[in-house]
C-alpha atoms as a PDB file:
ATOM      1  CA  MET A   1      13.439 -12.576  35.365  1.00  0.00           C
ATOM      2  CA  LYS A   2      14.918 -10.192  32.827  1.00  0.00           C
ATOM      3  CA  LYS A   3      13.853 -10.394  29.215  1.00  0.00           C
ATOM      4  CA  ILE A   4      16.881 -10.792  26.990  1.00  0.00           C
ATOM      5  CA  SER A   5      16.684  -8.826  23.755  1.00  0.00           C
ATOM      6  CA  LYS A   6      17.649 -10.669  20.580  1.00  0.00           C
ATOM      7  CA  ILE A   7      18.712  -7.422  18.933  1.00  0.00           C
ATOM      8  CA  PRO A   8      22.448  -6.690  19.302  1.00  0.00           C
ATOM      9  CA  HIS A   9      23.395  -3.389  20.936  1.00  0.00           C
ATOM     10  CA  ASP A  10      24.847  -1.887  17.746  1.00  0.00           C
ATOM     11  CA  VAL A  11      21.631  -2.433  15.747  1.00  0.00           C
ATOM     12  CA  LEU A  12      19.411   0.639  15.441  1.00  0.00           C
ATOM     13  CA  TRP A  13      16.484  -1.006  13.653  1.00  0.00           C
ATOM     14  CA  MET A  14      15.599  -4.507  12.572  1.00  0.00           C
ATOM     15  CA  GLY A  15      12.638  -5.552  10.458  1.00  0.00           C
ATOM     16  CA  LYS A  16      11.114  -8.037   8.046  1.00  0.00           C
ATOM     17  CA  PRO A  17       8.785  -7.651   5.094  1.00  0.00           C
ATOM     18  CA  SER A  18       5.164  -8.324   5.914  1.00  0.00           C
ATOM     19  CA  LEU A  19       3.468 -11.536   4.842  1.00  0.00           C
ATOM     20  CA  VAL A  20       0.883  -9.316   3.159  1.00  0.00           C
ATOM     21  CA  LEU A  21       3.076  -9.653   0.055  1.00  0.00           C
ATOM     22  CA  ALA A  22       2.098 -13.342  -0.086  1.00  0.00           C
ATOM     23  CA  TYR A  23      -1.652 -12.591  -0.059  1.00  0.00           C
ATOM     24  CA  PRO A  24      -2.047 -12.416  -3.869  1.00  0.00           C
ATOM     25  CA  LYS A  25      -0.782 -15.990  -4.110  1.00  0.00           C
ATOM     26  CA  LEU A  26      -3.264 -17.015  -1.422  1.00  0.00           C
ATOM     27  CA  VAL A  27      -6.099 -15.286  -3.295  1.00  0.00           C
ATOM     28  CA  TRP A  28      -5.074 -17.175  -6.446  1.00  0.00           C
ATOM     29  CA  LEU A  29      -5.257 -20.423  -4.476  1.00  0.00           C
ATOM     30  CA  PHE A  30      -8.748 -19.578  -3.239  1.00  0.00           C
ATOM     31  CA  VAL A  31     -10.048 -18.495  -6.679  1.00  0.00           C
ATOM     32  CA  SER A  32      -8.609 -21.504  -8.486  1.00  0.00           C
ATOM     33  CA  THR A  33     -10.155 -23.828  -5.900  1.00  0.00           C
ATOM     34  CA  LEU A  34     -13.555 -22.174  -6.332  1.00  0.00           C
ATOM     35  CA  LEU A  35     -13.315 -22.402 -10.124  1.00  0.00           C
ATOM     36  CA  LEU A  36     -12.455 -26.081 -10.005  1.00  0.00           C
ATOM     37  CA  ILE A  37     -15.324 -26.792  -7.611  1.00  0.00           C
ATOM     38  CA  TRP A  38     -17.706 -24.862  -9.856  1.00  0.00           C
ATOM     39  CA  TYR A  39     -16.455 -26.771 -12.897  1.00  0.00           C
ATOM     40  CA  GLU A  40     -16.925 -30.076 -11.116  1.00  0.00           C
ATOM     41  CA  LEU A  41     -20.453 -29.239 -10.000  1.00  0.00           C
ATOM     42  CA  SER A  42     -21.526 -27.949 -13.410  1.00  0.00           C
ATOM     43  CA  TYR A  43     -21.199 -31.373 -15.102  1.00  0.00           C
ATOM     44  CA  ASP A  44     -23.268 -34.474 -14.424  1.00  0.00           C
ATOM     45  CA  LYS A  45     -20.478 -36.966 -14.884  1.00  0.00           C
ATOM     46  CA  THR A  46     -17.458 -36.661 -12.702  1.00  0.00           C
ATOM     47  CA  HIS A  47     -14.290 -37.614 -14.494  1.00  0.00           C
ATOM     48  CA  VAL A  48     -11.178 -38.817 -12.763  1.00  0.00           C
ATOM     49  CA  TYR A  49      -9.022 -36.252 -14.546  1.00  0.00           C
ATOM     50  CA  ILE A  50     -10.985 -33.447 -12.867  1.00  0.00           C
ATOM     51  CA  TYR A  51      -9.860 -34.707  -9.475  1.00  0.00           C
ATOM     52  CA  TYR A  52      -6.277 -34.981 -10.680  1.00  0.00           C
ATOM     53  CA  SER A  53      -6.319 -31.470 -12.096  1.00  0.00           C
ATOM     54  CA  TYR A  54      -7.915 -30.169  -8.900  1.00  0.00           C
ATOM     55  CA  PHE A  55      -5.233 -31.855  -6.822  1.00  0.00           C
ATOM     56  CA  LEU A  56      -2.427 -30.545  -9.047  1.00  0.00           C
ATOM     57  CA  VAL A  57      -3.669 -26.939  -9.100  1.00  0.00           C
ATOM     58  CA  VAL A  58      -4.250 -26.806  -5.354  1.00  0.00           C
ATOM     59  CA  THR A  59      -0.930 -28.505  -4.576  1.00  0.00           C
ATOM     60  CA  TYR A  60       0.949 -26.190  -6.946  1.00  0.00           C
ATOM     61  CA  SER A  61      -0.776 -23.108  -5.507  1.00  0.00           C
ATOM     62  CA  PHE A  62       0.045 -24.138  -1.930  1.00  0.00           C
ATOM     63  CA  PHE A  63       3.632 -24.786  -2.958  1.00  0.00           C
ATOM     64  CA  VAL A  64       4.016 -21.377  -4.628  1.00  0.00           C
ATOM     65  CA  TRP A  65       2.355 -19.604  -1.707  1.00  0.00           C
ATOM     66  CA  GLY A  66       4.527 -21.497   0.787  1.00  0.00           C
ATOM     67  CA  ILE A  67       7.735 -20.615  -1.045  1.00  0.00           C
ATOM     68  CA  LYS A  68       6.755 -16.920  -1.179  1.00  0.00           C
ATOM     69  CA  ALA A  69       5.846 -16.902   2.523  1.00  0.00           C
ATOM     70  CA  LEU A  70       9.114 -18.648   3.404  1.00  0.00           C
ATOM     71  CA  GLN A  71      11.112 -16.148   1.320  1.00  0.00           C
ATOM     72  CA  LEU A  72       9.463 -13.302   3.210  1.00  0.00           C
ATOM     73  CA  LYS A  73      10.003 -14.920   6.604  1.00  0.00           C
ATOM     74  CA  THR A  74      13.696 -15.490   5.932  1.00  0.00           C
ATOM     75  CA  THR A  75      14.369 -11.908   4.802  1.00  0.00           C
ATOM     76  CA  VAL A  76      15.754  -9.662   7.544  1.00  0.00           C
ATOM     77  CA  TYR A  77      16.616  -5.975   7.266  1.00  0.00           C
ATOM     78  CA  THR A  78      19.178  -4.738   9.805  1.00  0.00           C
ATOM     79  CA  LEU A  79      20.079  -1.068  10.126  1.00  0.00           C
ATOM     80  CA  LYS A  80      23.286  -0.153  11.894  1.00  0.00           C
ATOM     81  CA  ARG A  81      24.766   3.303  12.392  1.00  0.00           C
ATOM     82  CA  ASP A  82      26.753   3.268   9.152  1.00  0.00           C
ATOM     83  CA  ARG A  83      25.329   0.412   7.068  1.00  0.00           C
ATOM     84  CA  LEU A  84      22.260  -1.533   6.061  1.00  0.00           C
ATOM     85  CA  LEU A  85      22.299  -5.334   5.922  1.00  0.00           C
ATOM     86  CA  ILE A  86      19.746  -7.396   4.022  1.00  0.00           C
ATOM     87  CA  LYS A  87      19.853 -11.117   4.739  1.00  0.00           C
ATOM     88  CA  ARG A  88      17.695 -13.374   2.618  1.00  0.00           C
ATOM     89  CA  GLY A  89      17.515 -16.912   1.363  1.00  0.00           C
ATOM     90  CA  ILE A  90      15.901 -20.197   2.214  1.00  0.00           C
ATOM     91  CA  LEU A  91      18.591 -22.753   1.441  1.00  0.00           C
ATOM     92  CA  ARG A  92      21.418 -20.383   0.566  1.00  0.00           C
ATOM     93  CA  ARG A  93      21.798 -17.328   2.780  1.00  0.00           C
ATOM     94  CA  ILE A  94      22.830 -14.133   0.978  1.00  0.00           C
ATOM     95  CA  THR A  95      23.733 -10.932   2.811  1.00  0.00           C
ATOM     96  CA  ASP A  96      23.757  -7.626   0.952  1.00  0.00           C
ATOM     97  CA  GLU A  97      25.620  -4.886   2.772  1.00  0.00           C
ATOM     98  CA  LEU A  98      25.253  -1.231   1.912  1.00  0.00           C
ATOM     99  CA  GLU A  99      27.387   1.516   3.383  1.00  0.00           C
ATOM    100  CA  LEU A 100      24.962   4.356   4.104  1.00  0.00           C
ATOM    101  CA  PHE A 101      27.264   7.035   2.708  1.00  0.00           C
ATOM    102  CA  ARG A 102      26.651   5.484  -0.740  1.00  0.00           C
ATOM    103  CA  VAL A 103      22.925   6.318  -0.659  1.00  0.00           C
ATOM    104  CA  ARG A 104      22.154   9.094  -3.138  1.00  0.00           C
ATOM    105  CA  ASP A 105      18.363   9.262  -3.137  1.00  0.00           C
ATOM    106  CA  PHE A 106      15.231   7.822  -1.563  1.00  0.00           C
ATOM    107  CA  GLN A 107      11.912   6.847  -3.053  1.00  0.00           C
ATOM    108  CA  LEU A 108       8.948   6.244  -0.766  1.00  0.00           C
ATOM    109  CA  ASP A 109       6.271   4.019  -2.296  1.00  0.00           C
ATOM    110  CA  GLU A 110       2.902   3.416  -0.652  1.00  0.00           C
ATOM    111  CA  PRO A 111       0.625   1.498  -3.028  1.00  0.00           C
ATOM    112  CA  ILE A 112      -3.014   1.275  -2.011  1.00  0.00           C
ATOM    113  CA  ALA A 113      -2.816  -2.472  -1.376  1.00  0.00           C
ATOM    114  CA  LEU A 114      -0.092  -1.893   1.230  1.00  0.00           C
ATOM    115  CA  ARG A 115      -1.646   1.281   2.650  1.00  0.00           C
ATOM    116  CA  LEU A 116      -4.692  -0.783   3.633  1.00  0.00           C
ATOM    117  CA  PHE A 117      -2.374  -2.590   6.058  1.00  0.00           C
ATOM    118  CA  SER A 118      -0.372   0.546   7.050  1.00  0.00           C
ATOM    119  CA  LEU A 119       2.673  -0.673   5.149  1.00  0.00           C
ATOM    120  CA  GLY A 120       4.954   0.822   2.524  1.00  0.00           C
ATOM    121  CA  ASN A 121       8.164   0.406   0.550  1.00  0.00           C
ATOM    122  CA  VAL A 122      11.283   2.527   0.444  1.00  0.00           C
ATOM    123  CA  ALA A 123      13.850   2.347  -2.348  1.00  0.00           C
ATOM    124  CA  LEU A 124      17.400   3.513  -1.784  1.00  0.00           C
ATOM    125  CA  VAL A 125      19.196   4.690  -4.922  1.00  0.00           C
ATOM    126  CA  THR A 126      22.894   4.139  -4.342  1.00  0.00           C
ATOM    127  CA  SER A 127      26.251   4.634  -5.990  1.00  0.00           C
ATOM    128  CA  ASP A 128      27.073   0.985  -5.256  1.00  0.00           C
ATOM    129  CA  ARG A 129      27.842  -0.910  -8.474  1.00  0.00           C
ATOM    130  CA  THR A 130      26.578  -4.294  -7.309  1.00  0.00           C
ATOM    131  CA  THR A 131      23.210  -3.060  -6.023  1.00  0.00           C
ATOM    132  CA  PRO A 132      22.279   0.337  -7.488  1.00  0.00           C
ATOM    133  CA  VAL A 133      18.759   0.172  -5.990  1.00  0.00           C
ATOM    134  CA  ILE A 134      17.826  -1.478  -2.709  1.00  0.00           C
ATOM    135  CA  ARG A 135      14.175  -1.928  -1.794  1.00  0.00           C
ATOM    136  CA  LEU A 136      12.816  -2.428   1.684  1.00  0.00           C
ATOM    137  CA  GLU A 137       9.367  -3.864   1.052  1.00  0.00           C
ATOM    138  CA  ALA A 138       6.141  -4.007   3.089  1.00  0.00           C
ATOM    139  CA  ILE A 139       7.509  -2.257   6.173  1.00  0.00           C
ATOM    140  CA  PRO A 140       5.217  -0.892   8.902  1.00  0.00           C
ATOM    141  CA  GLU A 141       5.569   2.795   9.845  1.00  0.00           C
ATOM    142  CA  ILE A 142       7.504   3.414   6.643  1.00  0.00           C
ATOM    143  CA  ASN A 143       7.425   7.214   7.028  1.00  0.00           C
ATOM    144  CA  LYS A 144       9.293   7.054  10.344  1.00  0.00           C
ATOM    145  CA  LEU A 145      11.864   4.650   8.907  1.00  0.00           C
ATOM    146  CA  HIS A 146      12.288   6.863   5.839  1.00  0.00           C
ATOM    147  CA  GLU A 147      13.067   9.938   7.966  1.00  0.00           C
ATOM    148  CA  TYR A 148      15.343   7.918  10.232  1.00  0.00           C
ATOM    149  CA  LEU A 149      17.276   6.616   7.218  1.00  0.00           C
ATOM    150  CA  ARG A 150      17.578  10.122   5.745  1.00  0.00           C
ATOM    151  CA  ASN A 151      19.066  11.444   8.978  1.00  0.00           C
ATOM    152  CA  LEU A 152      21.507   8.529   9.251  1.00  0.00           C
ATOM    153  CA  VAL A 153      22.624   8.990   5.640  1.00  0.00           C
ATOM    154  CA  ARG A 154      23.202  12.718   6.198  1.00  0.00           C
ATOM    155  CA  GLU A 155      25.247  11.934   9.323  1.00  0.00           C
ATOM    156  CA  CYS A 156      27.355   9.431   7.357  1.00  0.00           C
ATOM    157  CA  TRP A 157      27.866  12.014   4.611  1.00  0.00           C
ATOM    158  CA  ASP A 158      29.008  14.599   7.155  1.00  0.00           C
ATOM    159  CA  GLU A 159      31.376  12.159   8.889  1.00  0.00           C
ATOM    160  CA  ARG A 160      33.053  11.151   5.626  1.00  0.00           C
ATOM    161  CA  GLY A 161      32.921  14.586   4.024  1.00  0.00           C
ATOM    162  CA  VAL A 162      30.792  13.323   1.136  1.00  0.00           C
ATOM    163  CA  ARG A 163      29.280  15.971  -1.126  1.00  0.00           C
ATOM    164  CA  GLU A 164      26.963  15.414  -4.030  1.00  0.00           C
ATOM    165  CA  ILE A 165      27.886  17.114  -7.266  1.00  0.00           C
ATOM    166  CA  ASP A 166      25.369  17.417 -10.089  1.00  0.00           C
ATOM    167  CA  ALA A 167      27.130  17.221 -13.417  1.00  0.00           C
ATOM    168  CA  GLY A 168      25.076  18.046 -16.357  1.00  0.00           C
END
């Protein structure tokens, strides 16, 4: 039986941000739980309001972490030959579309927290008025994607005859 690819034939690359970006919220959940348990154990009398506060903090932390994880899971980056699509949204789906010939500069960002997981960010500085900077966050093999994007942008520039002029 043949495996059917979910990626359309005109798509060159498709990716999602890593859930590693939700880890700080999960750490906050763990630390706040430990602090509340320590607080509860450090007093002889157990008050009802301690249980309520514990429940509220843990519930709120799970909610915030869940929303962040869901936002990351519903974000999809799609690279086609001449444009980049970013689809995101939980209840309302928003698609940002960037024509690659509008890209003016790249910024590769590899903070230590992401490097531990072999991830990185790339920012595209564009001449687009609606989205002057587009960030692709927590992407694996970011160096390969960065070079691939640079080559595609140069090809789009050559096809359209775009030249960059520094005024100043």
